[in-house]
Amino acid sequence: MTTGALQGSDFADDEVVADLAAGGQTTWFRPELPPSASVLDSIDVDPQVMDDAAARFDRFAPWFASTFPETGTGVIESPLVAAPAAQADLDGRLGQTLPGRLWLKRDDTLPVSGSIKARGGFHEVLEHAETIAAEAGLDPQDARTYSGDAFRAQAAEHKIVVGSTGNLGLSIGILGASLGFACTVHMSADAREWKKVKLRSHGVEVIEHSGDFVAAVSAGRESAAADLRAHFVDDEDSVSLFAGYSVAALRLRDQFAALGEPIDADHQLVVYLPCGIGGGPGGVTYGLKRLFGDNVHCVFVEPATAPAMFLGVRTGLHSDISVQDIRLSGRTNADGLAVARPSRFIGPRIGPLISGFAGVSDDIISAGVAVLADTEGIEAEPSATAGLTVPWRGTVSVPPWPMDESTKHLVWLTGGAMVPAQERRHYLAEARTDLGALALT
C-alpha cells in the first residue's frame, strides 16, 4: 500500500485514485508519515492559535451563559461517551471483533447550533465582535460589552456573510444575529430546507444557489467584497475557523483525563472525523497532534461520491482537483459532507498529519443512523455517522496504529440535535432499510 501523495499526472494510473473514481469504499492508511512534531514545526500556523481561541471562549462564557441559558456555565462543549452496545452490534454485523474500545464524541449535541461547526463558526464571530468593539472604543475583553446597547448599535451597522451547506451557516447565523450583526448565509441547493427555515427564524438572510457548496462560497465571497462593512467567513481559507475547531482537542484531553483514560504510547487514540471541505476535521487534527503527537491518529471519512480531501491529498493537488475531475458527482445524502473541492488551507498544511482516509457509501452512512438509535439511543443525522464502521477496517487492512485492547477508537458525531422530529423519523426509517448494506467492503 502506497503512503505518500502522488504528484502531477502520476495519479492517472494510481490504484487508490482508480478505486475512488469507481465510487468504491476506498481505504488509504499511511504508516510512514513524518513525526508529528517535525510537521507542526514546519507549517505556517501560529502555535498559539489554539490557546488564544480557548481564552476567547473563556472570556465570552458569561455572555453565553446569559444569552443561551442551555449552555449552563457558558461553555460550548459536548459529551464524550463510550458506546459498548454499538460496538457489540457492529462486531456482529461486520463479522469482525474490534479490539479496544469504541467511543463517541457527541458534537451532534453541541449547544446553540448542534454540530461540530459551532466551535469554528462561533470563534470567528466572537473574534470579529472583539474587533468591532475595540474600533468603537468599547472594552473587548469584558463580556458585558456584548449585551450593551452601544455594542449592538455598532454591530447592526456591520454584516457577516458566509457560504455553507448548512451547519456552518447555522452557527454563524444564530450567533451573529444574537450579537446584533446583520447576517447573510449563501446556501447550496443540497442544504436541508429546515436549516434555511431555522436561520430565517433568527432574522438571518438566506440566499439559495442552484450550484454546489463551492458556488455558494464564491457567491458569498463576491457579495462581501462589494460591501466595506461586511466580514466574509471563508470556509475555504479561514485561520479563525481553524483555531476555533482546534479547541475541541483541549476539551477532549480533559474529558479523557477526567475518566481516568490515558492517551500515551501504550494507550493510543484513533479519531474518525467526517470531512466535508476539511476545516472542522483539520482544526481538530491540528489540536490533537499538538497535544498528543504520534500517540493520536486521525482518519478523515468522506462519502464515496464526494471524497474531496482524500483525492486532494492523495494526488498532492489539494484544491486544484475536484471530485468531478474523476467523474464523481460530489452529491450525497450526508449533506454537510457534500463538497467536491477541498479547502486550500487544510490539505497542504494538515495533510502530513492525517493517518488515513476512508470513503463510505451513502447506504452504509445511513445504516449507521439506525445502529446508533437502536443500540445507544442516539438520534443523529447521516453526516454524523459517516465514520461509525471505519474502525473495523483496521481489522482487515494493516493500520499504522495498534489494534489491541489498549486502543481507543473515537468516532466524531457531527450533527443532529437540531434536526426536526419529522426529519429524524424519516432518517431513521430510511436507515433501517439500509442495515443490510453494512459491510467492510
Protein backbone atom coordinates (compact mmCIF):
# COMPACT_ATOMS: atom_id res chain seq x y z
CA MET A 1 0.00 0.00 0.00
CA THR A 2 1.46 3.36 -1.02
CA THR A 3 1.72 6.02 1.68
CA GLY A 4 2.95 9.20 0.02
CA ALA A 5 0.96 11.71 -2.03
CA LEU A 6 1.29 11.43 -5.77
CA GLN A 7 2.38 14.30 -7.95
CA GLY A 8 1.10 15.73 -11.20
CA SER A 9 -0.30 13.28 -13.75
CA ASP A 10 1.03 10.26 -11.81
CA PHE A 11 -2.39 9.85 -10.24
CA ALA A 12 -3.90 8.75 -13.57
CA ASP A 13 -2.52 5.23 -13.04
CA ASP A 14 -2.85 5.11 -9.27
CA GLU A 15 -4.81 2.19 -7.87
CA VAL A 16 -6.26 4.18 -4.96
CA VAL A 17 -7.47 7.01 -7.19
CA ALA A 18 -8.93 4.42 -9.58
CA ASP A 19 -10.88 2.96 -6.66
CA LEU A 20 -12.10 6.42 -5.72
CA ALA A 21 -13.17 7.10 -9.31
CA ALA A 22 -15.16 3.87 -9.28
CA GLY A 23 -17.10 5.15 -6.26
CA GLY A 24 -15.90 2.31 -4.07
CA GLN A 25 -15.43 2.15 -0.31
CA THR A 26 -11.76 3.04 -0.56
CA THR A 27 -9.35 2.96 2.39
CA TRP A 28 -5.87 4.52 2.48
CA PHE A 29 -3.82 4.02 5.63
CA ARG A 30 -0.48 5.86 5.82
CA PRO A 31 2.06 4.14 8.12
CA GLU A 32 5.11 6.14 7.03
CA LEU A 33 4.11 9.66 8.00
CA PRO A 34 6.84 12.01 9.29
CA PRO A 35 6.95 12.62 13.05
CA SER A 36 4.14 14.93 14.12
CA ALA A 37 6.49 17.34 15.87
CA SER A 38 8.52 17.97 12.72
CA VAL A 39 5.36 18.64 10.69
CA LEU A 40 3.97 21.01 13.30
CA ASP A 41 7.26 22.91 13.40
CA SER A 42 7.26 23.33 9.62
CA ILE A 43 3.72 24.58 8.91
CA ASP A 44 2.84 28.27 8.85
CA VAL A 45 0.33 28.21 11.70
CA ASP A 46 0.98 30.23 14.85
CA PRO A 47 1.33 27.63 17.64
CA GLN A 48 -0.65 29.96 19.92
CA VAL A 49 -3.88 29.85 17.87
CA MET A 50 -5.46 27.05 19.89
CA ASP A 51 -4.72 28.56 23.29
CA ASP A 52 -5.77 32.03 22.11
CA ALA A 53 -9.07 30.66 20.82
CA ALA A 54 -9.67 28.81 24.10
CA ALA A 55 -9.04 32.02 26.03
CA ARG A 56 -11.54 33.87 23.81
CA PHE A 57 -14.22 31.25 24.53
CA ASP A 58 -13.49 31.62 28.24
CA ARG A 59 -13.91 35.40 28.05
CA PHE A 60 -17.28 35.03 26.36
CA ALA A 61 -18.57 32.30 28.69
CA PRO A 62 -20.56 34.76 30.89
CA TRP A 63 -22.22 36.18 27.76
CA PHE A 64 -23.14 32.70 26.52
CA ALA A 65 -24.50 31.75 29.95
CA SER A 66 -26.74 34.82 29.93
CA THR A 67 -27.79 34.70 26.27
CA PHE A 68 -28.13 30.93 25.93
CA PRO A 69 -29.10 29.51 29.36
CA GLU A 70 -28.98 25.97 27.94
CA THR A 71 -25.17 26.26 27.98
CA GLY A 72 -25.18 26.36 31.80
CA THR A 73 -21.84 27.96 32.64
CA GLY A 74 -21.45 29.23 29.09
CA VAL A 75 -19.06 26.53 27.92
CA ILE A 76 -19.73 25.29 24.39
CA GLU A 77 -18.88 21.60 24.67
CA SER A 78 -20.28 18.14 24.02
CA PRO A 79 -20.12 14.86 25.97
CA LEU A 80 -17.60 12.07 25.42
CA VAL A 81 -19.24 8.66 25.84
CA ALA A 82 -18.33 5.01 25.43
CA ALA A 83 -20.52 3.03 23.02
CA PRO A 84 -20.33 -0.64 24.07
CA ALA A 85 -23.75 -1.59 22.68
CA ALA A 86 -22.99 -0.11 19.26
CA GLN A 87 -19.59 -1.82 19.29
CA ALA A 88 -21.10 -5.23 20.04
CA ASP A 89 -23.79 -4.75 17.41
CA LEU A 90 -21.27 -3.81 14.72
CA ASP A 91 -18.96 -6.67 15.69
CA GLY A 92 -21.81 -8.99 14.78
CA ARG A 93 -22.99 -7.18 11.65
CA LEU A 94 -19.49 -6.75 10.21
CA GLY A 95 -18.23 -10.19 11.17
CA GLN A 96 -15.11 -8.86 12.88
CA THR A 97 -14.33 -8.12 16.53
CA LEU A 98 -12.94 -4.64 17.06
CA PRO A 99 -10.02 -4.73 19.51
CA GLY A 100 -10.07 -1.90 22.00
CA ARG A 101 -12.99 0.33 22.94
CA LEU A 102 -15.41 2.40 20.85
CA TRP A 103 -16.07 5.98 21.96
CA LEU A 104 -18.31 8.72 20.57
CA LYS A 105 -17.71 12.49 20.65
CA ARG A 106 -21.23 13.89 20.79
CA ASP A 107 -20.85 17.09 18.76
CA ASP A 108 -24.34 16.32 17.49
CA THR A 109 -25.45 17.81 20.83
CA LEU A 110 -23.22 20.91 20.95
CA PRO A 111 -25.27 23.75 22.45
CA VAL A 112 -26.84 26.53 20.36
CA SER A 113 -26.24 25.15 16.86
CA GLY A 114 -25.84 21.39 17.34
CA SER A 115 -22.83 20.47 15.20
CA ILE A 116 -19.02 20.36 15.04
CA LYS A 117 -19.22 23.64 13.09
CA ALA A 118 -20.22 25.50 16.26
CA ARG A 119 -16.70 25.88 17.65
CA GLY A 120 -15.18 27.26 14.47
CA GLY A 121 -18.14 29.39 13.44
CA PHE A 122 -18.64 30.79 16.93
CA HIS A 123 -14.97 31.58 17.30
CA GLU A 124 -14.77 33.64 14.12
CA VAL A 125 -17.91 35.59 15.02
CA LEU A 126 -16.54 36.28 18.51
CA GLU A 127 -13.17 37.37 17.17
CA HIS A 128 -14.91 39.74 14.75
CA ALA A 129 -17.10 41.06 17.56
CA GLU A 130 -14.00 41.91 19.60
CA THR A 131 -12.59 43.81 16.62
CA ILE A 132 -15.80 45.85 16.24
CA ALA A 133 -15.92 46.55 19.97
CA ALA A 134 -12.31 47.79 20.01
CA GLU A 135 -12.87 50.02 16.97
CA ALA A 136 -15.84 51.59 18.76
CA GLY A 137 -13.80 52.33 21.87
CA LEU A 138 -15.55 49.66 23.92
CA ASP A 139 -13.82 47.10 26.13
CA PRO A 140 -13.47 43.94 24.00
CA GLN A 141 -12.29 41.88 26.99
CA ASP A 142 -15.44 42.45 29.06
CA ALA A 143 -18.28 40.03 28.29
CA ARG A 144 -20.79 42.64 29.46
CA THR A 145 -19.84 44.79 26.46
CA TYR A 146 -21.70 42.49 24.10
CA SER A 147 -25.06 42.78 25.84
CA GLY A 148 -24.93 46.57 25.87
CA ASP A 149 -26.81 48.94 23.57
CA ALA A 150 -23.59 50.63 22.47
CA PHE A 151 -22.13 47.44 21.01
CA ARG A 152 -25.40 46.30 19.46
CA ALA A 153 -25.74 49.65 17.72
CA GLN A 154 -22.30 49.15 16.22
CA ALA A 155 -22.98 45.52 15.27
CA ALA A 156 -26.17 46.49 13.44
CA GLU A 157 -24.05 48.57 11.06
CA HIS A 158 -21.94 45.55 10.10
CA LYS A 159 -22.73 42.40 8.17
CA ILE A 160 -21.37 38.86 8.47
CA VAL A 161 -21.50 36.76 5.29
CA VAL A 162 -20.82 33.04 4.84
CA GLY A 163 -21.31 30.29 2.25
CA SER A 164 -22.49 26.97 3.69
CA THR A 165 -24.07 23.58 3.10
CA GLY A 166 -25.97 24.20 6.32
CA ASN A 167 -24.25 23.60 9.66
CA LEU A 168 -21.63 26.35 9.42
CA GLY A 169 -24.36 28.72 8.28
CA LEU A 170 -26.40 27.81 11.34
CA SER A 171 -23.55 28.53 13.73
CA ILE A 172 -22.58 31.82 12.06
CA GLY A 173 -26.16 33.00 11.56
CA ILE A 174 -27.54 32.14 15.00
CA LEU A 175 -24.60 33.57 16.93
CA GLY A 176 -24.09 36.60 14.67
CA ALA A 177 -27.75 37.57 14.90
CA SER A 178 -27.71 37.10 18.69
CA LEU A 179 -24.88 39.65 18.89
CA GLY A 180 -26.82 42.10 16.72
CA PHE A 181 -25.00 41.66 13.41
CA ALA A 182 -26.83 41.58 10.10
CA CYS A 183 -26.11 38.10 8.74
CA THR A 184 -26.36 36.60 5.27
CA VAL A 185 -25.88 32.91 4.55
CA HIS A 186 -25.37 31.74 0.96
CA MET A 187 -26.51 28.12 0.80
CA SER A 188 -26.10 25.40 -1.79
CA ALA A 189 -29.11 23.71 -3.33
CA ASP A 190 -28.50 20.47 -1.42
CA ALA A 191 -28.74 22.13 2.01
CA ARG A 192 -31.68 20.91 4.09
CA GLU A 193 -34.79 23.07 3.97
CA TRP A 194 -35.22 23.03 7.75
CA LYS A 195 -31.82 24.66 8.17
CA LYS A 196 -32.90 27.53 5.93
CA VAL A 197 -36.15 27.89 7.89
CA LYS A 198 -34.24 27.88 11.19
CA LEU A 199 -31.89 30.63 10.03
CA ARG A 200 -34.72 32.80 8.76
CA SER A 201 -36.48 32.41 12.11
CA HIS A 202 -33.45 34.13 13.68
CA GLY A 203 -33.67 37.03 11.23
CA VAL A 204 -30.84 35.76 9.02
CA GLU A 205 -30.98 36.42 5.28
CA VAL A 206 -30.65 33.15 3.34
CA ILE A 207 -29.71 33.24 -0.34
CA GLU A 208 -30.03 29.95 -2.19
CA HIS A 209 -27.85 28.88 -5.11
CA SER A 210 -28.55 26.17 -7.67
CA GLY A 211 -24.88 25.10 -7.73
CA ASP A 212 -22.89 23.19 -5.14
CA PHE A 213 -21.14 24.30 -1.95
CA VAL A 214 -18.23 25.92 -3.81
CA ALA A 215 -20.68 28.03 -5.82
CA ALA A 216 -22.34 29.23 -2.61
CA VAL A 217 -18.98 30.14 -1.07
CA SER A 218 -17.91 32.00 -4.22
CA ALA A 219 -21.16 33.97 -4.28
CA GLY A 220 -20.79 34.89 -0.63
CA ARG A 221 -17.20 35.99 -1.12
CA GLU A 222 -18.14 38.17 -4.09
CA SER A 223 -21.04 39.84 -2.29
CA ALA A 224 -18.94 40.60 0.80
CA ALA A 225 -16.13 42.08 -1.29
CA ALA A 226 -18.52 44.75 -2.53
CA ASP A 227 -19.51 45.86 1.00
CA LEU A 228 -16.91 47.65 3.14
CA ARG A 229 -18.83 46.80 6.32
CA ALA A 230 -19.14 43.09 5.55
CA HIS A 231 -16.98 40.37 7.07
CA PHE A 232 -16.77 37.20 4.99
CA VAL A 233 -16.25 33.92 6.84
CA ASP A 234 -14.20 31.93 4.35
CA ASP A 235 -14.68 28.21 4.96
CA GLU A 236 -12.00 27.51 2.36
CA ASP A 237 -9.25 29.59 3.93
CA SER A 238 -10.03 30.83 7.46
CA VAL A 239 -7.45 30.67 10.24
CA SER A 240 -10.07 31.85 12.74
CA LEU A 241 -12.42 28.95 11.98
CA PHE A 242 -9.46 26.59 12.17
CA ALA A 243 -8.43 27.95 15.58
CA GLY A 244 -11.93 27.53 16.96
CA TYR A 245 -12.15 23.93 15.80
CA SER A 246 -8.79 23.12 17.39
CA VAL A 247 -10.13 23.95 20.87
CA ALA A 248 -12.02 20.65 20.78
CA ALA A 249 -8.69 18.91 21.37
CA LEU A 250 -8.15 20.68 24.70
CA ARG A 251 -11.64 19.76 25.85
CA LEU A 252 -11.24 16.14 24.72
CA ARG A 253 -7.94 15.85 26.61
CA ASP A 254 -9.65 16.99 29.79
CA GLN A 255 -12.61 14.66 29.26
CA PHE A 256 -10.46 11.57 28.84
CA ALA A 257 -8.35 12.60 31.85
CA ALA A 258 -11.47 13.04 34.00
CA LEU A 259 -12.49 9.48 33.08
CA GLY A 260 -9.05 8.14 34.03
CA GLU A 261 -8.35 7.19 30.41
CA PRO A 262 -4.71 7.92 29.46
CA ILE A 263 -3.55 8.72 25.92
CA ASP A 264 0.09 7.78 25.52
CA ALA A 265 2.37 5.34 23.71
CA ASP A 266 0.70 2.41 25.49
CA HIS A 267 -2.88 3.72 25.11
CA GLN A 268 -3.20 5.20 21.65
CA LEU A 269 -6.19 7.11 20.30
CA VAL A 270 -7.64 6.80 16.80
CA VAL A 271 -10.12 9.51 15.81
CA TYR A 272 -12.51 9.08 12.87
CA LEU A 273 -13.59 12.51 11.58
CA PRO A 274 -16.32 13.07 8.97
CA CYS A 275 -14.95 15.51 6.42
CA GLY A 276 -16.59 17.95 4.03
CA ILE A 277 -14.37 20.83 2.95
CA GLY A 278 -11.92 19.86 5.73
CA GLY A 279 -11.88 22.84 8.08
CA GLY A 280 -13.50 21.13 11.06
CA PRO A 281 -11.52 17.87 10.98
CA GLY A 282 -8.39 19.79 10.01
CA GLY A 283 -8.61 22.04 13.06
CA VAL A 284 -9.39 19.13 15.37
CA THR A 285 -6.45 17.16 13.95
CA TYR A 286 -4.09 20.10 14.46
CA GLY A 287 -5.16 20.44 18.09
CA LEU A 288 -4.91 16.73 18.83
CA LYS A 289 -1.47 16.47 17.26
CA ARG A 290 -0.30 19.47 19.31
CA LEU A 291 -1.39 17.68 22.48
CA PHE A 292 -0.71 14.00 21.79
CA GLY A 293 1.77 13.92 18.91
CA ASP A 294 2.29 10.47 17.45
CA ASN A 295 0.03 8.83 20.06
CA VAL A 296 -3.07 10.05 18.22
CA HIS A 297 -4.08 9.02 14.70
CA CYS A 298 -6.69 10.95 12.71
CA VAL A 299 -8.69 9.35 9.90
CA PHE A 300 -10.75 11.57 7.59
CA VAL A 301 -14.00 9.97 6.44
CA GLU A 302 -15.93 11.15 3.38
CA PRO A 303 -18.83 9.95 1.25
CA ALA A 304 -17.67 7.70 -1.58
CA THR A 305 -19.29 10.14 -4.03
CA ALA A 306 -17.53 13.20 -2.56
CA PRO A 307 -14.03 12.25 -1.32
CA ALA A 308 -12.66 15.75 -1.87
CA MET A 309 -9.94 15.88 0.80
CA PHE A 310 -8.98 12.24 0.17
CA LEU A 311 -8.46 12.97 -3.54
CA GLY A 312 -6.65 16.26 -2.93
CA VAL A 313 -4.13 14.76 -0.50
CA ARG A 314 -3.65 11.52 -2.41
CA THR A 315 -2.84 13.34 -5.67
CA GLY A 316 -0.93 16.18 -3.99
CA LEU A 317 -3.13 18.62 -5.94
CA HIS A 318 -5.25 19.65 -2.94
CA SER A 319 -7.79 22.29 -4.01
CA ASP A 320 -6.57 22.18 -7.60
CA ILE A 321 -8.55 18.99 -8.17
CA SER A 322 -12.27 18.32 -7.82
CA VAL A 323 -14.10 15.01 -7.49
CA GLN A 324 -15.80 15.87 -10.78
CA ASP A 325 -12.36 15.62 -12.38
CA ILE A 326 -12.52 11.86 -11.74
CA ARG A 327 -16.18 11.75 -12.80
CA LEU A 328 -17.77 11.58 -9.35
CA SER A 329 -20.90 13.61 -8.67
CA GLY A 330 -20.00 15.17 -5.31
CA ARG A 331 -23.61 14.59 -4.26
CA THR A 332 -24.53 12.67 -1.13
CA ASN A 333 -27.38 12.33 1.35
CA ALA A 334 -24.88 13.33 4.03
CA ASP A 335 -25.48 16.95 3.12
CA GLY A 336 -22.85 18.51 5.39
CA LEU A 337 -20.23 16.43 3.59
CA ALA A 338 -21.36 17.27 0.05
CA VAL A 339 -18.17 19.02 -1.05
CA ALA A 340 -16.44 18.47 -4.39
CA ARG A 341 -13.25 20.53 -3.86
CA PRO A 342 -11.30 20.58 -0.55
CA SER A 343 -10.07 23.52 1.50
CA ARG A 344 -6.98 25.15 0.06
CA PHE A 345 -5.83 25.86 3.62
CA ILE A 346 -6.12 22.43 5.23
CA GLY A 347 -4.67 19.95 2.72
CA PRO A 348 -1.19 21.44 2.25
CA ARG A 349 -0.73 22.08 5.99
CA ILE A 350 -2.57 19.29 7.77
CA GLY A 351 -2.28 16.58 5.08
CA PRO A 352 1.02 15.22 6.50
CA LEU A 353 -0.69 14.75 9.89
CA ILE A 354 -3.61 12.64 8.61
CA SER A 355 -3.08 8.93 9.27
CA GLY A 356 -5.74 7.66 6.92
CA PHE A 357 -8.70 8.29 4.66
CA ALA A 358 -11.88 6.31 4.09
CA GLY A 359 -14.66 6.62 1.54
CA VAL A 360 -18.07 5.36 2.70
CA SER A 361 -21.17 4.68 0.63
CA ASP A 362 -24.39 6.56 1.38
CA ASP A 363 -26.30 3.41 2.35
CA ILE A 364 -23.70 2.48 4.98
CA ILE A 365 -23.64 6.05 6.29
CA SER A 366 -27.43 5.87 6.52
CA ALA A 367 -27.37 2.46 8.26
CA GLY A 368 -25.23 3.98 11.00
CA VAL A 369 -28.17 6.20 11.96
CA ALA A 370 -30.20 3.08 12.78
CA VAL A 371 -27.32 1.41 14.64
CA LEU A 372 -26.85 4.38 16.96
CA ALA A 373 -30.58 4.84 17.53
CA ASP A 374 -31.24 1.18 18.27
CA THR A 375 -28.16 0.48 20.41
CA GLU A 376 -27.28 3.75 22.15
CA GLY A 377 -30.50 5.76 21.85
CA ILE A 378 -28.71 8.46 19.85
CA GLU A 379 -30.59 10.28 17.09
CA ALA A 380 -28.01 11.62 14.65
CA GLU A 381 -28.17 12.93 11.11
CA PRO A 382 -26.47 10.87 8.36
CA SER A 383 -23.36 13.06 8.06
CA ALA A 384 -22.68 12.37 11.75
CA THR A 385 -22.44 8.61 11.30
CA ALA A 386 -20.01 8.52 8.36
CA GLY A 387 -17.15 7.21 10.49
CA LEU A 388 -19.07 4.64 12.52
CA THR A 389 -17.97 1.49 10.67
CA VAL A 390 -14.48 2.67 9.70
CA PRO A 391 -12.70 1.42 12.88
CA TRP A 392 -13.44 -2.13 11.75
CA ARG A 393 -11.49 -1.60 8.51
CA GLY A 394 -8.36 -1.85 10.62
CA THR A 395 -9.24 -5.50 11.23
CA VAL A 396 -8.86 -6.34 7.52
CA SER A 397 -6.16 -3.84 6.48
CA VAL A 398 -2.98 -3.10 8.41
CA PRO A 399 -3.27 0.36 10.02
CA PRO A 400 -0.43 2.48 11.45
CA TRP A 401 -1.83 2.17 15.00
CA PRO A 402 -2.12 -0.74 17.43
CA MET A 403 -5.19 -2.91 17.08
CA ASP A 404 -5.33 -4.29 20.61
CA GLU A 405 -7.32 -3.86 23.80
CA SER A 406 -5.42 -0.69 24.75
CA THR A 407 -6.61 1.23 21.67
CA LYS A 408 -9.33 3.88 21.89
CA HIS A 409 -11.44 4.29 18.73
CA LEU A 410 -13.27 7.64 18.80
CA VAL A 411 -15.97 8.33 16.20
CA TRP A 412 -16.79 12.03 15.96
CA LEU A 413 -20.52 12.72 15.57
CA THR A 414 -21.02 15.99 13.72
CA GLY A 415 -24.67 16.99 13.91
CA GLY A 416 -28.25 16.01 14.63
CA ALA A 417 -29.70 17.57 17.79
CA MET A 418 -31.40 20.42 15.92
CA VAL A 419 -32.96 18.21 13.24
CA PRO A 420 -36.79 18.47 13.39
CA ALA A 421 -38.59 15.39 14.74
CA GLN A 422 -40.29 14.62 11.44
CA GLU A 423 -36.94 14.71 9.62
CA ARG A 424 -35.40 12.44 12.25
CA ARG A 425 -38.17 9.90 11.76
CA HIS A 426 -37.50 9.98 8.01
CA TYR A 427 -33.76 9.44 8.53
CA LEU A 428 -34.40 6.53 10.86
CA ALA A 429 -36.97 4.81 8.64
CA GLU A 430 -34.60 5.02 5.69
CA ALA A 431 -31.68 3.87 7.83
CA ARG A 432 -33.45 0.69 8.90
CA THR A 433 -33.92 -0.28 5.25
CA ASP A 434 -30.16 0.18 4.73
CA LEU A 435 -28.98 -2.02 7.61
CA GLY A 436 -28.46 -4.94 5.27
CA ALA A 437 -25.81 -2.94 3.40
CA LEU A 438 -23.43 -2.93 6.36
CA ALA A 439 -20.14 -4.47 5.24
CA LEU A 440 -16.42 -3.72 5.34
CA THR A 441 -16.03 -3.64 1.53
